[in-house]
Amino acid sequence: MKIRSILLLFFIGGLTLTCNSQTEAIKYDLVELLSQNKITVFNRELTKSTDVNFKAVHLSAKGDDGIAWLNGLDFSNGVIEIDIKGKDVLQESFVGIAFHGVDEKILDAIYFRPFNFQSRDSIRKIHAVQYVSHPDFPWHVLREKYNGKYEKSIASAPSANSWFHAKIVVEYPTIKVFVNNNFEPSLTVDQLSQRTSGKLGLWVGNNSDGDFANLTLKRKGK
């Protein structure tokens, strides 16, 4: 009887440790990862940001979409938190996070259009935060087929030129996006891809650059 009780305690203790390890928040120093060549960049240059307020990295502006994958990181479900800064230049600031990626062409992403955050144009304003699933569901396909479903406005939106905090909760297939201190999600969608895990990285859209800092992951399962 005593042996059975001891074994049960060991089992419960081990289960608790496993659960805690699966939900523990891990912080990633992007500048340090860059210096150690632990980030693989496509169609961009990644450098240390010149912003004095954050220890951050900068993805340069250039042509088509660009991405910086964190080497060796596989992400399935959990919480992604990061500070991002774009700019108030129309059609030149698309900044966000890619996940469940296979390569630079096959991925899901949440990204932001800072130039639309506080726009007085009601149509532009609802195009502030966007979900996409490449290659089958880029933004223009989603806007044409499901207008207003996969992109939304942001309540109490930050300034276009300011740093903002993004919290992306991935519980396949549901994704929720929170901005700054908002308790209600700015965007809630179901993923359009069948991928349940994959690469994770910093993402910038067509002809955009952006700064990224304070990446934290709380993973569940992987």
Protein backbone atom coordinates (compact mmCIF):
# COMPACT_ATOMS: atom_id res chain seq x y z
CA MET A 1 0.00 0.00 0.00
CA LYS A 2 2.80 2.41 0.92
CA ILE A 3 4.69 1.55 -2.27
CA ARG A 4 1.56 2.23 -4.34
CA SER A 5 1.10 5.62 -2.64
CA ILE A 6 4.73 6.56 -3.22
CA LEU A 7 4.50 5.60 -6.89
CA LEU A 8 1.31 7.65 -7.24
CA LEU A 9 3.03 10.69 -5.73
CA PHE A 10 5.95 10.29 -8.13
CA PHE A 11 3.53 10.02 -11.06
CA ILE A 12 1.59 13.16 -10.05
CA GLY A 13 4.84 15.04 -9.44
CA GLY A 14 6.21 14.05 -12.82
CA LEU A 15 2.97 15.02 -14.53
CA THR A 16 3.04 18.43 -12.85
CA LEU A 17 6.62 19.04 -13.95
CA THR A 18 5.74 18.05 -17.51
CA CYS A 19 2.74 20.38 -17.61
CA ASN A 20 4.79 23.25 -16.20
CA SER A 21 7.56 22.73 -18.75
CA GLN A 22 5.03 22.80 -21.56
CA THR A 23 3.61 26.16 -20.51
CA GLU A 24 6.76 27.89 -19.28
CA ALA A 25 7.39 31.25 -20.95
CA ILE A 26 10.74 31.41 -22.76
CA LYS A 27 12.26 34.76 -23.68
CA TYR A 28 14.39 35.08 -26.80
CA ASP A 29 17.06 37.76 -27.14
CA LEU A 30 16.80 38.53 -30.86
CA VAL A 31 19.97 40.63 -30.91
CA GLU A 32 21.94 37.80 -29.30
CA LEU A 33 20.47 35.23 -31.69
CA LEU A 34 21.45 37.47 -34.60
CA SER A 35 25.03 37.76 -33.33
CA GLN A 36 25.20 33.95 -33.00
CA ASN A 37 23.90 33.39 -36.55
CA LYS A 38 20.85 31.58 -35.21
CA ILE A 39 18.39 33.37 -37.47
CA THR A 40 17.96 32.52 -41.16
CA VAL A 41 16.82 35.46 -43.28
CA PHE A 42 15.11 35.41 -46.69
CA ASN A 43 14.81 38.42 -49.01
CA ARG A 44 15.89 40.93 -46.37
CA GLU A 45 18.83 42.05 -44.25
CA LEU A 46 18.58 41.65 -40.50
CA THR A 47 20.62 44.04 -38.36
CA LYS A 48 20.65 45.41 -34.85
CA SER A 49 18.09 48.20 -34.55
CA THR A 50 19.25 51.76 -33.96
CA ASP A 51 16.23 52.40 -31.71
CA VAL A 52 17.53 53.45 -28.28
CA ASN A 53 14.38 52.41 -26.40
CA PHE A 54 14.50 48.68 -27.13
CA LYS A 55 17.13 46.02 -27.62
CA ALA A 56 15.77 45.11 -31.01
CA VAL A 57 16.51 43.84 -34.51
CA HIS A 58 15.60 45.53 -37.78
CA LEU A 59 14.40 43.87 -40.99
CA SER A 60 15.25 46.04 -43.98
CA ALA A 61 12.87 47.18 -46.72
CA LYS A 62 13.17 45.40 -50.05
CA GLY A 63 10.76 44.26 -52.75
CA ASP A 64 8.67 41.21 -51.94
CA ASP A 65 7.81 39.67 -48.57
CA GLY A 66 10.71 38.90 -46.24
CA ILE A 67 11.13 36.61 -43.26
CA ALA A 68 13.64 35.80 -40.52
CA TRP A 69 13.22 32.25 -39.19
CA LEU A 70 14.50 31.36 -35.72
CA ASN A 71 16.74 28.36 -36.33
CA GLY A 72 15.71 25.06 -34.77
CA LEU A 73 12.45 26.37 -33.35
CA ASP A 74 9.31 24.33 -33.92
CA PHE A 75 6.06 25.90 -32.74
CA SER A 76 2.63 24.29 -32.58
CA ASN A 77 0.22 25.73 -29.99
CA GLY A 78 0.77 28.41 -27.38
CA VAL A 79 1.24 32.13 -26.93
CA ILE A 80 3.54 34.38 -28.96
CA GLU A 81 4.30 37.81 -27.51
CA ILE A 82 6.47 40.46 -29.17
CA ASP A 83 7.02 44.21 -29.42
CA ILE A 84 6.89 45.61 -32.97
CA LYS A 85 7.39 48.98 -34.59
CA GLY A 86 6.39 49.90 -38.12
CA LYS A 87 5.85 53.34 -39.63
CA ASP A 88 3.17 55.72 -40.86
CA VAL A 89 3.85 55.36 -44.56
CA LEU A 90 0.93 54.25 -46.70
CA GLN A 91 1.41 50.76 -48.19
CA GLU A 92 4.97 50.52 -46.83
CA SER A 93 4.51 49.05 -43.38
CA PHE A 94 3.42 45.42 -43.05
CA VAL A 95 4.96 43.84 -39.94
CA GLY A 96 4.20 40.67 -38.02
CA ILE A 97 4.91 37.07 -37.11
CA ALA A 98 4.93 33.94 -39.27
CA PHE A 99 4.31 30.51 -37.75
CA HIS A 100 3.54 26.93 -38.75
CA GLY A 101 5.97 27.59 -41.57
CA VAL A 102 7.54 25.13 -44.01
CA ASP A 103 9.65 27.68 -45.88
CA GLU A 104 9.45 31.32 -46.97
CA LYS A 105 6.53 30.53 -49.30
CA ILE A 106 4.44 28.20 -47.13
CA LEU A 107 3.36 29.66 -43.80
CA ASP A 108 0.63 31.22 -41.71
CA ALA A 109 1.07 34.76 -40.44
CA ILE A 110 -0.46 37.51 -38.38
CA TYR A 111 0.64 40.95 -39.47
CA PHE A 112 -0.22 44.59 -38.87
CA ARG A 113 -0.60 47.68 -41.05
CA PRO A 114 0.45 50.52 -38.73
CA PHE A 115 -0.41 53.16 -41.32
CA ASN A 116 -4.06 52.10 -40.90
CA PHE A 117 -4.12 52.01 -37.08
CA GLN A 118 -5.63 55.47 -36.58
CA SER A 119 -6.78 56.24 -40.10
CA ARG A 120 -9.79 58.53 -40.46
CA ASP A 121 -10.85 56.45 -43.44
CA SER A 122 -13.30 53.87 -42.08
CA ILE A 123 -12.34 51.29 -44.70
CA ARG A 124 -8.61 51.58 -44.08
CA LYS A 125 -9.14 51.44 -40.34
CA ILE A 126 -10.65 47.94 -40.48
CA HIS A 127 -7.53 46.74 -42.32
CA ALA A 128 -5.25 47.15 -39.29
CA VAL A 129 -4.54 43.52 -38.34
CA GLN A 130 -4.54 40.64 -40.81
CA TYR A 131 -4.35 36.83 -40.88
CA VAL A 132 -3.02 35.09 -44.01
CA SER A 133 -2.13 31.55 -44.99
CA HIS A 134 0.35 31.32 -47.84
CA PRO A 135 0.34 30.29 -50.59
CA ASP A 136 -3.37 29.59 -50.96
CA PHE A 137 -4.86 32.46 -48.97
CA PRO A 138 -2.92 35.73 -49.32
CA TRP A 139 -4.57 38.96 -48.21
CA HIS A 140 -6.14 39.86 -51.56
CA VAL A 141 -7.84 36.46 -51.92
CA LEU A 142 -9.24 36.69 -48.38
CA ARG A 143 -10.45 40.26 -48.91
CA GLU A 144 -12.18 39.31 -52.13
CA LYS A 145 -13.81 36.11 -50.86
CA TYR A 146 -14.30 36.84 -47.15
CA ASN A 147 -14.25 40.61 -46.82
CA GLY A 148 -13.91 41.72 -43.19
CA LYS A 149 -13.46 38.22 -41.75
CA TYR A 150 -9.67 37.86 -41.64
CA GLU A 151 -8.75 41.50 -41.04
CA LYS A 152 -10.03 43.90 -38.40
CA SER A 153 -9.51 47.26 -36.73
CA ILE A 154 -7.73 47.69 -33.39
CA ALA A 155 -9.56 49.26 -30.45
CA SER A 156 -7.55 52.05 -28.78
CA ALA A 157 -5.03 51.68 -31.58
CA PRO A 158 -1.47 52.85 -30.99
CA SER A 159 0.25 55.52 -33.05
CA ALA A 160 1.54 54.27 -36.38
CA ASN A 161 5.12 55.24 -35.52
CA SER A 162 5.09 53.82 -31.99
CA TRP A 163 6.13 50.49 -30.55
CA PHE A 164 3.16 48.22 -29.81
CA HIS A 165 2.86 44.88 -28.05
CA ALA A 166 1.27 41.95 -29.85
CA LYS A 167 0.01 38.80 -28.17
CA ILE A 168 -0.96 35.98 -30.53
CA VAL A 169 -2.70 32.97 -29.00
CA VAL A 170 -2.60 29.87 -31.19
CA GLU A 171 -4.82 26.95 -30.18
CA TYR A 172 -5.25 25.12 -33.44
CA PRO A 173 -7.35 25.89 -35.31
CA THR A 174 -8.24 29.10 -33.46
CA ILE A 175 -6.05 32.20 -33.41
CA LYS A 176 -6.65 35.27 -31.25
CA VAL A 177 -4.69 38.51 -31.50
CA PHE A 178 -4.43 41.05 -28.66
CA VAL A 179 -2.75 44.46 -28.96
CA ASN A 180 -1.22 46.37 -26.05
CA ASN A 181 -3.45 46.23 -22.95
CA ASN A 182 -6.69 45.34 -24.70
CA PHE A 183 -8.53 42.53 -22.91
CA GLU A 184 -10.66 41.76 -25.96
CA PRO A 185 -8.98 40.29 -29.04
CA SER A 186 -8.67 42.52 -32.06
CA LEU A 187 -8.92 39.48 -34.32
CA THR A 188 -10.27 35.95 -33.84
CA VAL A 189 -10.07 33.49 -36.75
CA ASP A 190 -9.75 29.81 -37.53
CA GLN A 191 -6.66 28.79 -39.48
CA LEU A 192 -7.14 27.99 -43.13
CA SER A 193 -4.17 25.63 -43.43
CA GLN A 194 -3.96 22.06 -42.17
CA ARG A 195 -0.52 22.62 -40.65
CA THR A 196 -0.47 22.28 -36.88
CA SER A 197 3.22 23.04 -36.31
CA GLY A 198 6.27 24.44 -38.05
CA LYS A 199 8.82 27.23 -38.17
CA LEU A 200 8.38 30.59 -36.46
CA GLY A 201 9.86 33.89 -37.55
CA LEU A 202 9.66 37.65 -37.97
CA TRP A 203 7.72 38.71 -41.08
CA VAL A 204 7.54 41.87 -43.19
CA GLY A 205 5.43 42.42 -46.28
CA ASN A 206 5.99 43.98 -49.65
CA ASN A 207 8.50 46.88 -49.58
CA SER A 208 8.36 47.06 -45.77
CA ASP A 209 10.84 47.24 -42.95
CA GLY A 210 10.29 46.94 -39.20
CA ASP A 211 11.77 46.59 -35.74
CA PHE A 212 11.19 43.62 -33.41
CA ALA A 213 12.01 43.08 -29.73
CA ASN A 214 11.15 41.05 -26.63
CA LEU A 215 9.98 37.83 -28.22
CA THR A 216 8.46 35.46 -25.67
CA LEU A 217 6.93 32.06 -26.34
CA LYS A 218 4.76 29.96 -24.11
CA ARG A 219 4.41 26.68 -25.94
CA LYS A 220 1.92 23.89 -25.35
CA GLY A 221 2.76 20.42 -26.55
CA LYS A 222 6.02 21.39 -28.30
